[in-house]
Amino acid sequence: MLRAEQAWSQSELAARLGVSRQTVNAIETGRFDPSLELAFKLARVFGLLIEEIFEPENE
């Protein structure tokens, strides 16, 4: 998990993204798909491409 590799808490990542800790938890557990804007923020925070973080669903 990218957040754990950085040794960040859910609260710390949430603060970096400008969202709630509950939102980070929901993304991590697959209960919430982030908006495109939030996906780009996640990519920037981790220095990755969106495609390196998210995989499309199988059709």
C-alpha atoms as a PDB file:
ATOM      1  CA  MET A   1       0.000   0.000   0.000  1.00  0.00           C
ATOM      2  CA  LEU A   2       1.455   3.334  -1.045  1.00  0.00           C
ATOM      3  CA  ARG A   3       0.421   5.167   2.107  1.00  0.00           C
ATOM      4  CA  ALA A   4       2.070   2.581   4.347  1.00  0.00           C
ATOM      5  CA  GLU A   5       5.281   2.726   2.293  1.00  0.00           C
ATOM      6  CA  GLN A   6       5.474   6.427   3.175  1.00  0.00           C
ATOM      7  CA  ALA A   7       4.651   5.650   6.847  1.00  0.00           C
ATOM      8  CA  TRP A   8       1.714   8.080   6.664  1.00  0.00           C
ATOM      9  CA  SER A   9      -1.436   7.656   8.695  1.00  0.00           C
ATOM     10  CA  GLN A  10      -4.791   7.854   6.980  1.00  0.00           C
ATOM     11  CA  SER A  11      -5.241  11.246   8.638  1.00  0.00           C
ATOM     12  CA  GLU A  12      -1.943  12.532   7.267  1.00  0.00           C
ATOM     13  CA  LEU A  13      -2.749  11.433   3.727  1.00  0.00           C
ATOM     14  CA  ALA A  14      -6.231  12.913   4.059  1.00  0.00           C
ATOM     15  CA  ALA A  15      -4.733  16.259   5.073  1.00  0.00           C
ATOM     16  CA  ARG A  16      -2.386  16.200   2.079  1.00  0.00           C
ATOM     17  CA  LEU A  17      -5.363  15.521  -0.201  1.00  0.00           C
ATOM     18  CA  GLY A  18      -7.817  17.884   1.457  1.00  0.00           C
ATOM     19  CA  VAL A  19     -10.324  15.112   2.237  1.00  0.00           C
ATOM     20  CA  SER A  20     -11.522  13.316   5.358  1.00  0.00           C
ATOM     21  CA  ARG A  21      -9.806  10.303   6.886  1.00  0.00           C
ATOM     22  CA  GLN A  22     -13.002   8.369   6.184  1.00  0.00           C
ATOM     23  CA  THR A  23     -12.596   9.118   2.462  1.00  0.00           C
ATOM     24  CA  VAL A  24      -9.064   7.715   2.488  1.00  0.00           C
ATOM     25  CA  ASN A  25     -10.309   4.620   4.313  1.00  0.00           C
ATOM     26  CA  ALA A  26     -13.155   4.131   1.818  1.00  0.00           C
ATOM     27  CA  ILE A  27     -10.748   4.399  -1.138  1.00  0.00           C
ATOM     28  CA  GLU A  28      -8.334   1.918   0.440  1.00  0.00           C
ATOM     29  CA  THR A  29     -11.067  -0.613   1.160  1.00  0.00           C
ATOM     30  CA  GLY A  30     -12.627  -0.274  -2.294  1.00  0.00           C
ATOM     31  CA  ARG A  31     -15.907   1.173  -1.042  1.00  0.00           C
ATOM     32  CA  PHE A  32     -15.365   4.479  -2.871  1.00  0.00           C
ATOM     33  CA  ASP A  33     -13.994   5.327  -6.290  1.00  0.00           C
ATOM     34  CA  PRO A  34     -12.351   8.760  -6.189  1.00  0.00           C
ATOM     35  CA  SER A  35     -13.282  11.494  -8.603  1.00  0.00           C
ATOM     36  CA  LEU A  36     -10.871  12.187 -11.442  1.00  0.00           C
ATOM     37  CA  GLU A  37      -9.684  15.301  -9.604  1.00  0.00           C
ATOM     38  CA  LEU A  38      -8.958  13.309  -6.448  1.00  0.00           C
ATOM     39  CA  ALA A  39      -7.239  10.571  -8.460  1.00  0.00           C
ATOM     40  CA  PHE A  40      -4.902  13.210  -9.938  1.00  0.00           C
ATOM     41  CA  LYS A  41      -4.213  14.572  -6.431  1.00  0.00           C
ATOM     42  CA  LEU A  42      -3.354  11.071  -5.237  1.00  0.00           C
ATOM     43  CA  ALA A  43      -0.990  10.594  -8.146  1.00  0.00           C
ATOM     44  CA  ARG A  44       0.736  13.918  -7.457  1.00  0.00           C
ATOM     45  CA  VAL A  45       1.101  13.201  -3.725  1.00  0.00           C
ATOM     46  CA  PHE A  46       2.828   9.900  -4.485  1.00  0.00           C
ATOM     47  CA  GLY A  47       4.728  11.119  -7.546  1.00  0.00           C
ATOM     48  CA  LEU A  48       3.108   8.508  -9.787  1.00  0.00           C
ATOM     49  CA  LEU A  49       0.856   8.313 -12.815  1.00  0.00           C
ATOM     50  CA  ILE A  50      -2.817   7.575 -12.227  1.00  0.00           C
ATOM     51  CA  GLU A  51      -2.357   4.315 -14.135  1.00  0.00           C
ATOM     52  CA  GLU A  52       0.279   3.251 -11.615  1.00  0.00           C
ATOM     53  CA  ILE A  53      -2.236   3.616  -8.769  1.00  0.00           C
ATOM     54  CA  PHE A  54      -5.558   2.572 -10.289  1.00  0.00           C
ATOM     55  CA  GLU A  55      -6.350  -0.285 -12.623  1.00  0.00           C
ATOM     56  CA  PRO A  56      -9.442  -0.311 -14.845  1.00  0.00           C
ATOM     57  CA  GLU A  57     -12.136  -2.817 -13.978  1.00  0.00           C
ATOM     58  CA  ASN A  58     -12.213  -5.934 -16.099  1.00  0.00           C
ATOM     59  CA  GLU A  59     -14.987  -5.823 -18.640  1.00  0.00           C
END
